[in-house]
Amino acid sequence: MAHLTYRERPVALRRPALLLAFGGWNDAAEVATNAANFLRSAWDGTVYATLESEEFYHFGLSRPLVRSVPGTSEREIIWPDTEFSHCRAAGLARDVLIGVGTEPHLRWKTYCATVLEMARELEIGLIVTLGASWPRYRTRGRSA
């Protein structure tokens, strides 16, 4: 898994499930990514791995962000990497691993194979993807 970098590999996982949310066409109003980020925060998730963006994104379409570092004159670049967090909340019967990122532009097969290989290594038994779409509006009895 050359594209995945572990900070600290989770161990002794309890029936782990992987929840994935991707910004892009299936994330209307950022509902899916905001829901995943909310759960990660509510369940005290800690980042355990990053799927590097270099091979999977066209940076003309999904540009990295540049922001000022608070309290300094420095700037930092934030790349569109996919971050994976480990959540072990007391009220959960299983550990939840949450992956949040932008859907890739390039090399989908390699991207998916990397995520699935990680899932196999960590013995994840359930993978759930989140998505959102715009509702169809009706006006005076006709579909818009």
N, C-alpha and C. Protein backbone atom coordinates (compact mmCIF):
# COMPACT_ATOMS: atom_id res chain seq x y z
N MET A 1 0.83 -1.19 0.00
CA MET A 1 0.00 0.00 0.00
C MET A 1 0.87 1.24 0.00
N ALA A 2 1.50 1.48 -1.09
CA ALA A 2 2.44 2.59 -1.19
C ALA A 2 1.77 3.95 -1.02
N HIS A 3 0.49 4.05 -1.27
CA HIS A 3 -0.18 5.34 -1.23
C HIS A 3 -0.76 5.68 0.13
N LEU A 4 -0.82 4.70 1.02
CA LEU A 4 -1.39 4.89 2.34
C LEU A 4 -0.27 5.02 3.37
N THR A 5 -0.33 6.06 4.17
CA THR A 5 0.66 6.28 5.21
C THR A 5 -0.02 6.17 6.57
N TYR A 6 0.44 5.22 7.37
CA TYR A 6 -0.10 5.06 8.73
C TYR A 6 0.65 5.98 9.69
N ARG A 7 -0.08 6.67 10.53
CA ARG A 7 0.52 7.38 11.66
C ARG A 7 0.69 6.39 12.80
N GLU A 8 -0.40 5.66 13.04
CA GLU A 8 -0.39 4.60 14.04
C GLU A 8 -1.49 3.62 13.66
N ARG A 9 -1.10 2.40 13.38
CA ARG A 9 -2.06 1.39 12.95
C ARG A 9 -2.95 0.99 14.13
N PRO A 10 -4.28 1.05 13.96
CA PRO A 10 -5.17 0.66 15.06
C PRO A 10 -5.03 -0.83 15.37
N VAL A 11 -5.11 -1.17 16.63
CA VAL A 11 -4.99 -2.58 17.06
C VAL A 11 -6.18 -2.95 17.94
N ALA A 12 -6.39 -4.25 18.08
CA ALA A 12 -7.47 -4.79 18.91
C ALA A 12 -8.81 -4.14 18.60
N LEU A 13 -9.14 -4.07 17.31
CA LEU A 13 -10.39 -3.46 16.89
C LEU A 13 -11.57 -4.36 17.24
N ARG A 14 -12.67 -3.73 17.66
CA ARG A 14 -13.90 -4.45 18.00
C ARG A 14 -14.85 -4.42 16.81
N ARG A 15 -14.98 -5.54 16.08
CA ARG A 15 -15.89 -5.65 14.94
C ARG A 15 -15.89 -4.38 14.10
N PRO A 16 -14.76 -3.97 13.54
CA PRO A 16 -14.66 -2.65 12.90
C PRO A 16 -15.54 -2.49 11.66
N ALA A 17 -16.07 -1.28 11.54
CA ALA A 17 -16.83 -0.86 10.36
C ALA A 17 -16.11 0.35 9.78
N LEU A 18 -16.15 0.49 8.46
CA LEU A 18 -15.53 1.64 7.79
C LEU A 18 -16.62 2.48 7.17
N LEU A 19 -16.65 3.75 7.52
CA LEU A 19 -17.60 4.72 7.00
C LEU A 19 -16.83 5.67 6.10
N LEU A 20 -17.25 5.82 4.85
CA LEU A 20 -16.54 6.67 3.88
C LEU A 20 -17.44 7.78 3.36
N ALA A 21 -16.90 8.97 3.23
CA ALA A 21 -17.62 10.11 2.65
C ALA A 21 -16.65 10.88 1.76
N PHE A 22 -17.10 11.20 0.56
CA PHE A 22 -16.26 11.88 -0.42
C PHE A 22 -16.92 13.16 -0.89
N GLY A 23 -16.17 14.25 -0.87
CA GLY A 23 -16.64 15.48 -1.46
C GLY A 23 -16.65 15.32 -2.97
N GLY A 24 -17.60 15.93 -3.63
CA GLY A 24 -17.71 15.81 -5.09
C GLY A 24 -19.16 15.75 -5.49
N TRP A 25 -19.43 15.12 -6.61
CA TRP A 25 -20.79 15.13 -7.17
C TRP A 25 -21.81 14.48 -6.24
N ASN A 26 -21.43 13.53 -5.41
CA ASN A 26 -22.41 12.85 -4.55
C ASN A 26 -22.43 13.42 -3.14
N ASP A 27 -22.04 14.67 -2.99
CA ASP A 27 -21.98 15.31 -1.67
C ASP A 27 -22.70 16.65 -1.72
N ALA A 28 -23.97 16.62 -2.12
CA ALA A 28 -24.75 17.85 -2.24
C ALA A 28 -24.74 18.63 -0.93
N ALA A 29 -24.41 19.90 -1.02
CA ALA A 29 -24.34 20.80 0.14
C ALA A 29 -23.41 20.25 1.23
N GLU A 30 -22.46 19.40 0.84
CA GLU A 30 -21.49 18.80 1.75
C GLU A 30 -22.15 18.02 2.89
N VAL A 31 -23.32 17.47 2.63
CA VAL A 31 -24.06 16.73 3.66
C VAL A 31 -23.29 15.48 4.10
N ALA A 32 -22.78 14.70 3.16
CA ALA A 32 -22.10 13.45 3.50
C ALA A 32 -20.80 13.71 4.26
N THR A 33 -19.97 14.61 3.76
CA THR A 33 -18.69 14.88 4.43
C THR A 33 -18.91 15.56 5.78
N ASN A 34 -19.90 16.45 5.88
CA ASN A 34 -20.18 17.07 7.18
C ASN A 34 -20.70 16.05 8.19
N ALA A 35 -21.53 15.11 7.74
CA ALA A 35 -22.02 14.06 8.64
C ALA A 35 -20.86 13.20 9.14
N ALA A 36 -19.97 12.80 8.23
CA ALA A 36 -18.82 11.99 8.63
C ALA A 36 -17.91 12.76 9.59
N ASN A 37 -17.67 14.03 9.29
CA ASN A 37 -16.83 14.85 10.18
C ASN A 37 -17.48 15.05 11.54
N PHE A 38 -18.81 15.20 11.55
CA PHE A 38 -19.53 15.33 12.82
C PHE A 38 -19.38 14.07 13.66
N LEU A 39 -19.59 12.90 13.03
CA LEU A 39 -19.45 11.64 13.76
C LEU A 39 -18.02 11.45 14.27
N ARG A 40 -17.05 11.78 13.43
CA ARG A 40 -15.64 11.66 13.83
C ARG A 40 -15.37 12.52 15.07
N SER A 41 -15.93 13.71 15.10
CA SER A 41 -15.75 14.61 16.24
C SER A 41 -16.52 14.11 17.47
N ALA A 42 -17.77 13.71 17.27
CA ALA A 42 -18.61 13.26 18.39
C ALA A 42 -18.06 11.99 19.03
N TRP A 43 -17.40 11.15 18.24
CA TRP A 43 -16.86 9.89 18.75
C TRP A 43 -15.37 9.99 19.03
N ASP A 44 -14.84 11.20 19.16
CA ASP A 44 -13.44 11.44 19.51
C ASP A 44 -12.47 10.68 18.60
N GLY A 45 -12.69 10.78 17.29
CA GLY A 45 -11.84 10.09 16.33
C GLY A 45 -10.43 10.67 16.29
N THR A 46 -9.47 9.79 16.11
CA THR A 46 -8.08 10.22 15.94
C THR A 46 -7.58 9.71 14.59
N VAL A 47 -6.90 10.56 13.86
CA VAL A 47 -6.40 10.20 12.54
C VAL A 47 -5.34 9.12 12.69
N TYR A 48 -5.52 8.02 11.95
CA TYR A 48 -4.53 6.94 12.00
C TYR A 48 -3.83 6.73 10.67
N ALA A 49 -4.40 7.24 9.56
CA ALA A 49 -3.76 7.04 8.26
C ALA A 49 -4.21 8.11 7.28
N THR A 50 -3.38 8.32 6.26
CA THR A 50 -3.67 9.27 5.20
C THR A 50 -3.40 8.60 3.86
N LEU A 51 -4.35 8.74 2.96
CA LEU A 51 -4.17 8.28 1.59
C LEU A 51 -3.70 9.50 0.80
N GLU A 52 -2.46 9.48 0.36
CA GLU A 52 -1.84 10.64 -0.28
C GLU A 52 -2.52 10.98 -1.60
N SER A 53 -2.60 12.26 -1.91
CA SER A 53 -3.35 12.75 -3.07
C SER A 53 -2.60 12.75 -4.39
N GLU A 54 -1.29 12.73 -4.36
CA GLU A 54 -0.46 12.97 -5.55
C GLU A 54 -0.87 12.17 -6.79
N GLU A 55 -1.16 10.90 -6.64
CA GLU A 55 -1.46 10.04 -7.79
C GLU A 55 -2.93 10.08 -8.21
N PHE A 56 -3.81 10.69 -7.41
CA PHE A 56 -5.24 10.53 -7.62
C PHE A 56 -5.99 11.80 -7.99
N TYR A 57 -5.32 12.93 -7.97
CA TYR A 57 -6.03 14.19 -8.20
C TYR A 57 -5.38 15.01 -9.30
N HIS A 58 -6.22 15.68 -10.05
CA HIS A 58 -5.79 16.68 -11.02
C HIS A 58 -5.87 18.00 -10.26
N PHE A 59 -4.72 18.56 -9.92
CA PHE A 59 -4.69 19.73 -9.05
C PHE A 59 -5.19 21.00 -9.71
N GLY A 60 -5.47 20.94 -11.00
CA GLY A 60 -6.15 22.05 -11.66
C GLY A 60 -7.64 22.02 -11.39
N LEU A 61 -8.16 20.84 -11.06
CA LEU A 61 -9.59 20.69 -10.76
C LEU A 61 -9.87 20.75 -9.26
N SER A 62 -8.97 20.26 -8.47
CA SER A 62 -9.11 20.26 -7.02
C SER A 62 -7.83 20.82 -6.43
N ARG A 63 -7.77 22.12 -6.36
CA ARG A 63 -6.53 22.78 -5.95
C ARG A 63 -6.29 22.63 -4.45
N PRO A 64 -5.02 22.49 -4.06
CA PRO A 64 -4.71 22.49 -2.63
C PRO A 64 -5.01 23.87 -2.05
N LEU A 65 -5.27 23.90 -0.76
CA LEU A 65 -5.54 25.16 -0.08
C LEU A 65 -4.25 25.68 0.53
N VAL A 66 -4.11 27.00 0.56
CA VAL A 66 -3.00 27.64 1.25
C VAL A 66 -3.61 28.53 2.31
N ARG A 67 -3.13 28.35 3.55
CA ARG A 67 -3.67 29.18 4.62
C ARG A 67 -2.54 29.66 5.52
N SER A 68 -2.79 30.74 6.22
CA SER A 68 -1.83 31.28 7.17
C SER A 68 -1.84 30.44 8.43
N VAL A 69 -0.66 30.23 9.00
CA VAL A 69 -0.55 29.52 10.28
C VAL A 69 -0.77 30.56 11.37
N PRO A 70 -1.79 30.35 12.21
CA PRO A 70 -2.10 31.34 13.25
C PRO A 70 -0.89 31.67 14.13
N GLY A 71 -0.70 32.97 14.39
CA GLY A 71 0.36 33.41 15.27
C GLY A 71 1.74 33.50 14.63
N THR A 72 1.83 33.21 13.32
CA THR A 72 3.12 33.27 12.63
C THR A 72 2.93 33.97 11.29
N SER A 73 4.03 34.21 10.61
CA SER A 73 3.96 34.75 9.25
C SER A 73 4.05 33.62 8.22
N GLU A 74 4.00 32.38 8.70
CA GLU A 74 4.12 31.19 7.85
C GLU A 74 2.79 30.87 7.16
N ARG A 75 2.92 30.16 6.06
CA ARG A 75 1.75 29.61 5.36
C ARG A 75 1.94 28.12 5.24
N GLU A 76 0.82 27.40 5.15
CA GLU A 76 0.88 25.95 4.96
C GLU A 76 -0.01 25.56 3.79
N ILE A 77 0.36 24.47 3.14
CA ILE A 77 -0.41 23.92 2.03
C ILE A 77 -1.18 22.73 2.55
N ILE A 78 -2.47 22.70 2.25
CA ILE A 78 -3.32 21.58 2.64
C ILE A 78 -3.73 20.86 1.37
N TRP A 79 -3.23 19.63 1.20
CA TRP A 79 -3.49 18.83 0.02
C TRP A 79 -4.80 18.08 0.18
N PRO A 80 -5.46 17.74 -0.91
CA PRO A 80 -6.76 17.03 -0.82
C PRO A 80 -6.59 15.53 -0.51
N ASP A 81 -5.89 15.21 0.57
CA ASP A 81 -5.68 13.82 0.97
C ASP A 81 -6.96 13.25 1.58
N THR A 82 -7.06 11.94 1.63
CA THR A 82 -8.14 11.26 2.34
C THR A 82 -7.60 10.85 3.70
N GLU A 83 -8.26 11.31 4.76
CA GLU A 83 -7.84 10.98 6.12
C GLU A 83 -8.75 9.92 6.71
N PHE A 84 -8.13 8.97 7.40
CA PHE A 84 -8.87 7.92 8.07
C PHE A 84 -8.70 8.08 9.58
N SER A 85 -9.82 8.05 10.29
CA SER A 85 -9.81 8.22 11.75
C SER A 85 -10.38 6.98 12.42
N HIS A 86 -9.87 6.70 13.61
CA HIS A 86 -10.34 5.58 14.42
C HIS A 86 -11.19 6.13 15.54
N CYS A 87 -12.43 5.62 15.64
CA CYS A 87 -13.34 6.05 16.69
C CYS A 87 -13.68 4.87 17.59
N ARG A 88 -13.44 5.04 18.88
CA ARG A 88 -13.78 4.00 19.86
C ARG A 88 -14.53 4.69 20.99
N ALA A 89 -15.81 4.91 20.76
CA ALA A 89 -16.64 5.57 21.76
C ALA A 89 -17.24 4.52 22.69
N ALA A 90 -17.39 4.88 23.96
CA ALA A 90 -17.87 3.94 24.97
C ALA A 90 -19.26 3.40 24.62
N GLY A 91 -20.10 4.20 24.02
CA GLY A 91 -21.46 3.78 23.71
C GLY A 91 -21.60 2.93 22.45
N LEU A 92 -20.51 2.72 21.73
CA LEU A 92 -20.56 1.93 20.49
C LEU A 92 -20.16 0.49 20.76
N ALA A 93 -20.87 -0.44 20.13
CA ALA A 93 -20.55 -1.86 20.28
C ALA A 93 -19.41 -2.28 19.37
N ARG A 94 -18.99 -1.40 18.49
CA ARG A 94 -17.90 -1.70 17.55
C ARG A 94 -17.07 -0.45 17.34
N ASP A 95 -15.87 -0.63 16.84
CA ASP A 95 -15.04 0.50 16.45
C ASP A 95 -15.48 0.96 15.07
N VAL A 96 -15.47 2.25 14.87
CA VAL A 96 -15.82 2.81 13.57
C VAL A 96 -14.60 3.55 13.04
N LEU A 97 -14.21 3.20 11.83
CA LEU A 97 -13.13 3.90 11.13
C LEU A 97 -13.81 4.78 10.10
N ILE A 98 -13.43 6.06 10.08
CA ILE A 98 -14.10 7.02 9.20
C ILE A 98 -13.08 7.60 8.24
N GLY A 99 -13.37 7.49 6.94
CA GLY A 99 -12.53 8.06 5.89
C GLY A 99 -13.24 9.22 5.23
N VAL A 100 -12.58 10.37 5.17
CA VAL A 100 -13.16 11.56 4.55
C VAL A 100 -12.15 12.15 3.59
N GLY A 101 -12.60 12.44 2.38
CA GLY A 101 -11.73 13.05 1.37
C GLY A 101 -12.55 13.49 0.18
N THR A 102 -11.86 14.00 -0.82
CA THR A 102 -12.49 14.37 -2.08
C THR A 102 -12.43 13.16 -3.00
N GLU A 103 -13.51 12.93 -3.76
CA GLU A 103 -13.45 11.79 -4.67
C GLU A 103 -12.31 12.02 -5.67
N PRO A 104 -11.58 10.96 -5.99
CA PRO A 104 -10.42 11.11 -6.87
C PRO A 104 -10.80 11.40 -8.31
N HIS A 105 -9.92 12.04 -9.04
CA HIS A 105 -10.10 12.30 -10.47
C HIS A 105 -9.43 11.22 -11.32
N LEU A 106 -8.37 10.64 -10.80
CA LEU A 106 -7.52 9.73 -11.56
C LEU A 106 -7.33 8.41 -10.82
N ARG A 107 -7.03 7.35 -11.56
CA ARG A 107 -6.61 6.06 -11.02
C ARG A 107 -7.57 5.52 -9.95
N TRP A 108 -8.84 5.49 -10.30
CA TRP A 108 -9.87 5.00 -9.40
C TRP A 108 -9.60 3.57 -8.94
N LYS A 109 -9.17 2.71 -9.86
CA LYS A 109 -8.93 1.31 -9.49
C LYS A 109 -7.87 1.20 -8.42
N THR A 110 -6.80 1.94 -8.55
CA THR A 110 -5.72 1.91 -7.56
C THR A 110 -6.20 2.50 -6.24
N TYR A 111 -6.95 3.58 -6.31
CA TYR A 111 -7.49 4.22 -5.11
C TYR A 111 -8.37 3.23 -4.34
N CYS A 112 -9.32 2.61 -5.05
CA CYS A 112 -10.24 1.66 -4.41
C CYS A 112 -9.49 0.43 -3.89
N ALA A 113 -8.53 -0.07 -4.67
CA ALA A 113 -7.75 -1.23 -4.23
C ALA A 113 -6.98 -0.91 -2.95
N THR A 114 -6.48 0.30 -2.82
CA THR A 114 -5.74 0.70 -1.62
C THR A 114 -6.66 0.71 -0.40
N VAL A 115 -7.86 1.28 -0.56
CA VAL A 115 -8.81 1.32 0.54
C VAL A 115 -9.24 -0.09 0.92
N LEU A 116 -9.52 -0.93 -0.07
CA LEU A 116 -9.94 -2.31 0.21
C LEU A 116 -8.83 -3.14 0.85
N GLU A 117 -7.60 -2.91 0.44
CA GLU A 117 -6.47 -3.61 1.05
C GLU A 117 -6.34 -3.24 2.53
N MET A 118 -6.51 -1.94 2.83
CA MET A 118 -6.48 -1.50 4.23
C MET A 118 -7.62 -2.18 5.00
N ALA A 119 -8.80 -2.24 4.39
CA ALA A 119 -9.95 -2.87 5.05
C ALA A 119 -9.67 -4.34 5.35
N ARG A 120 -9.03 -5.04 4.41
CA ARG A 120 -8.69 -6.45 4.64
C ARG A 120 -7.68 -6.59 5.77
N GLU A 121 -6.65 -5.76 5.76
CA GLU A 121 -5.61 -5.81 6.79
C GLU A 121 -6.18 -5.58 8.19
N LEU A 122 -7.14 -4.66 8.29
CA LEU A 122 -7.71 -4.32 9.59
C LEU A 122 -8.94 -5.18 9.92
N GLU A 123 -9.25 -6.15 9.05
CA GLU A 123 -10.37 -7.08 9.24
C GLU A 123 -11.69 -6.35 9.42
N ILE A 124 -11.92 -5.37 8.56
CA ILE A 124 -13.17 -4.62 8.58
C ILE A 124 -14.27 -5.49 7.97
N GLY A 125 -15.37 -5.63 8.70
CA GLY A 125 -16.45 -6.49 8.25
C GLY A 125 -17.58 -5.76 7.55
N LEU A 126 -17.59 -4.43 7.62
CA LEU A 126 -18.68 -3.65 7.04
C LEU A 126 -18.11 -2.35 6.50
N ILE A 127 -18.47 -2.02 5.26
CA ILE A 127 -18.09 -0.73 4.67
C ILE A 127 -19.36 -0.01 4.24
N VAL A 128 -19.51 1.24 4.69
CA VAL A 128 -20.68 2.05 4.38
C VAL A 128 -20.19 3.35 3.74
N THR A 129 -20.78 3.71 2.59
CA THR A 129 -20.46 5.00 1.97
C THR A 129 -21.65 5.93 2.15
N LEU A 130 -21.36 7.19 2.42
CA LEU A 130 -22.40 8.20 2.56
C LEU A 130 -22.46 9.03 1.29
N GLY A 131 -23.65 9.48 0.96
CA GLY A 131 -23.83 10.34 -0.20
C GLY A 131 -25.06 11.20 -0.02
N ALA A 132 -25.17 12.22 -0.82
CA ALA A 132 -26.33 13.11 -0.77
C ALA A 132 -26.57 13.66 -2.17
N SER A 133 -27.83 13.87 -2.48
CA SER A 133 -28.17 14.45 -3.79
C SER A 133 -29.23 15.52 -3.58
N TRP A 134 -29.35 16.37 -4.55
CA TRP A 134 -30.35 17.43 -4.49
C TRP A 134 -31.73 16.83 -4.72
N PRO A 135 -32.74 17.26 -3.96
CA PRO A 135 -34.09 16.72 -4.15
C PRO A 135 -34.69 17.24 -5.46
N ARG A 136 -35.61 16.47 -5.98
CA ARG A 136 -36.37 16.93 -7.14
C ARG A 136 -37.49 17.81 -6.63
N TYR A 137 -37.56 19.01 -7.15
CA TYR A 137 -38.60 19.95 -6.71
C TYR A 137 -39.81 19.83 -7.61
N ARG A 138 -40.97 19.98 -7.00
CA ARG A 138 -42.21 19.95 -7.76
C ARG A 138 -42.82 21.35 -7.72
N THR A 139 -43.27 21.77 -8.88
CA THR A 139 -43.94 23.07 -8.97
C THR A 139 -45.29 22.87 -9.64
N ARG A 140 -46.33 23.21 -8.94
CA ARG A 140 -47.70 23.11 -9.46
C ARG A 140 -47.99 21.78 -10.12
N GLY A 141 -47.60 20.73 -9.42
CA GLY A 141 -47.93 19.40 -9.90
C GLY A 141 -47.03 18.85 -10.99
N ARG A 142 -46.01 19.60 -11.41
CA ARG A 142 -45.10 19.13 -12.45
C ARG A 142 -43.71 18.95 -11.86
N SER A 143 -42.99 17.97 -12.35
CA SER A 143 -41.60 17.79 -11.93
C SER A 143 -40.75 18.87 -12.56
N ALA A 144 -39.81 19.37 -11.79
CA ALA A 144 -38.91 20.42 -12.32
C ALA A 144 -37.81 19.80 -13.15
